[in-house]
Amino acid sequence: MGKGDKKTRRGKIFQGSFGNTRPKKSVISKAKREKAKAQAK
């Protein structure tokens, strides 16, 4: 298990891929953060 393993986080970083182990930051979660930040003010 290491850089060559597609199922590990390190392997996904090395390959530049995403999945359950290494999810992409989604547009939806970004919008939620901005909305929460606006309400906090």
N, C-alpha and C. Protein backbone atom coordinates (compact mmCIF):
# COMPACT_ATOMS: atom_id res chain seq x y z
N MET A 1 0.84 -1.18 0.00
CA MET A 1 0.00 0.00 0.00
C MET A 1 0.88 1.24 0.00
N GLY A 2 0.64 2.09 -0.94
CA GLY A 2 1.44 3.30 -1.03
C GLY A 2 1.05 4.10 -2.26
N LYS A 3 2.04 4.68 -2.89
CA LYS A 3 1.77 5.56 -4.03
C LYS A 3 1.10 4.84 -5.20
N GLY A 4 1.39 3.58 -5.38
CA GLY A 4 0.83 2.84 -6.51
C GLY A 4 -0.55 2.28 -6.27
N ASP A 5 -1.04 2.38 -5.04
CA ASP A 5 -2.33 1.78 -4.68
C ASP A 5 -3.47 2.76 -4.94
N LYS A 6 -4.34 2.41 -5.86
CA LYS A 6 -5.45 3.30 -6.24
C LYS A 6 -6.47 3.51 -5.13
N LYS A 7 -6.49 2.62 -4.14
CA LYS A 7 -7.51 2.70 -3.09
C LYS A 7 -7.10 3.58 -1.90
N THR A 8 -5.83 3.97 -1.84
CA THR A 8 -5.39 4.78 -0.72
C THR A 8 -5.36 6.26 -1.08
N ARG A 9 -5.42 7.09 -0.06
CA ARG A 9 -5.37 8.55 -0.27
C ARG A 9 -4.07 8.95 -0.95
N ARG A 10 -2.96 8.40 -0.48
CA ARG A 10 -1.64 8.73 -1.05
C ARG A 10 -1.58 8.32 -2.52
N GLY A 11 -2.14 7.17 -2.84
CA GLY A 11 -2.16 6.70 -4.23
C GLY A 11 -2.99 7.61 -5.11
N LYS A 12 -4.08 8.10 -4.59
CA LYS A 12 -4.95 9.00 -5.37
C LYS A 12 -4.27 10.35 -5.58
N ILE A 13 -3.56 10.85 -4.57
CA ILE A 13 -2.83 12.10 -4.72
C ILE A 13 -1.76 11.93 -5.79
N PHE A 14 -1.05 10.81 -5.75
CA PHE A 14 0.02 10.52 -6.72
C PHE A 14 -0.54 10.44 -8.14
N GLN A 15 -1.72 9.82 -8.29
CA GLN A 15 -2.33 9.67 -9.61
C GLN A 15 -3.12 10.90 -10.04
N GLY A 16 -3.50 11.73 -9.08
CA GLY A 16 -4.31 12.91 -9.38
C GLY A 16 -5.77 12.58 -9.59
N SER A 17 -6.24 11.51 -8.96
CA SER A 17 -7.65 11.12 -9.10
C SER A 17 -8.40 11.39 -7.80
N PHE A 18 -9.71 11.28 -7.88
CA PHE A 18 -10.58 11.54 -6.73
C PHE A 18 -11.53 10.37 -6.54
N GLY A 19 -12.12 10.27 -5.34
CA GLY A 19 -13.07 9.20 -5.04
C GLY A 19 -13.51 9.31 -3.60
N ASN A 20 -14.00 8.19 -3.02
CA ASN A 20 -14.46 8.20 -1.63
C ASN A 20 -13.34 8.52 -0.67
N THR A 21 -12.15 8.02 -0.95
CA THR A 21 -11.01 8.24 -0.07
C THR A 21 -10.52 9.68 -0.15
N ARG A 22 -10.66 10.27 -1.34
CA ARG A 22 -10.17 11.64 -1.56
C ARG A 22 -11.22 12.41 -2.35
N PRO A 23 -12.27 12.88 -1.67
CA PRO A 23 -13.33 13.58 -2.39
C PRO A 23 -12.90 14.97 -2.87
N LYS A 24 -13.49 15.40 -3.97
CA LYS A 24 -13.27 16.76 -4.46
C LYS A 24 -14.09 17.71 -3.61
N LYS A 25 -13.63 18.94 -3.48
CA LYS A 25 -14.44 19.95 -2.80
C LYS A 25 -15.55 20.34 -3.76
N SER A 26 -16.78 20.08 -3.36
CA SER A 26 -17.90 20.31 -4.25
C SER A 26 -18.36 21.76 -4.21
N VAL A 27 -19.06 22.15 -5.25
CA VAL A 27 -19.62 23.50 -5.36
C VAL A 27 -20.69 23.70 -4.29
N ILE A 28 -21.44 22.65 -3.98
CA ILE A 28 -22.52 22.74 -3.00
C ILE A 28 -21.95 23.06 -1.62
N SER A 29 -20.89 22.35 -1.21
CA SER A 29 -20.34 22.60 0.11
C SER A 29 -19.72 23.99 0.20
N LYS A 30 -19.15 24.47 -0.92
CA LYS A 30 -18.58 25.82 -0.94
C LYS A 30 -19.69 26.85 -0.74
N ALA A 31 -20.83 26.65 -1.40
CA ALA A 31 -21.96 27.57 -1.26
C ALA A 31 -22.49 27.56 0.17
N LYS A 32 -22.52 26.39 0.80
CA LYS A 32 -22.98 26.30 2.19
C LYS A 32 -22.05 27.07 3.12
N ARG A 33 -20.73 26.95 2.90
CA ARG A 33 -19.77 27.67 3.74
C ARG A 33 -19.95 29.17 3.60
N GLU A 34 -20.13 29.65 2.37
CA GLU A 34 -20.30 31.08 2.14
C GLU A 34 -21.59 31.59 2.78
N LYS A 35 -22.64 30.78 2.71
CA LYS A 35 -23.92 31.16 3.31
C LYS A 35 -23.79 31.23 4.83
N ALA A 36 -23.10 30.26 5.42
CA ALA A 36 -22.89 30.26 6.87
C ALA A 36 -22.05 31.44 7.31
N LYS A 37 -21.07 31.78 6.50
CA LYS A 37 -20.19 32.91 6.82
C LYS A 37 -20.99 34.22 6.78
N ALA A 38 -21.89 34.35 5.81
CA ALA A 38 -22.72 35.55 5.67
C ALA A 38 -23.68 35.68 6.86
N GLN A 39 -24.21 34.56 7.33
CA GLN A 39 -25.15 34.61 8.45
C GLN A 39 -24.44 34.90 9.77
N ALA A 40 -23.17 34.55 9.87
CA ALA A 40 -22.41 34.77 11.09
C ALA A 40 -22.12 36.24 11.34
N LYS A 41 -22.13 37.05 10.30
CA LYS A 41 -21.84 38.48 10.44
C LYS A 41 -22.97 39.25 11.06
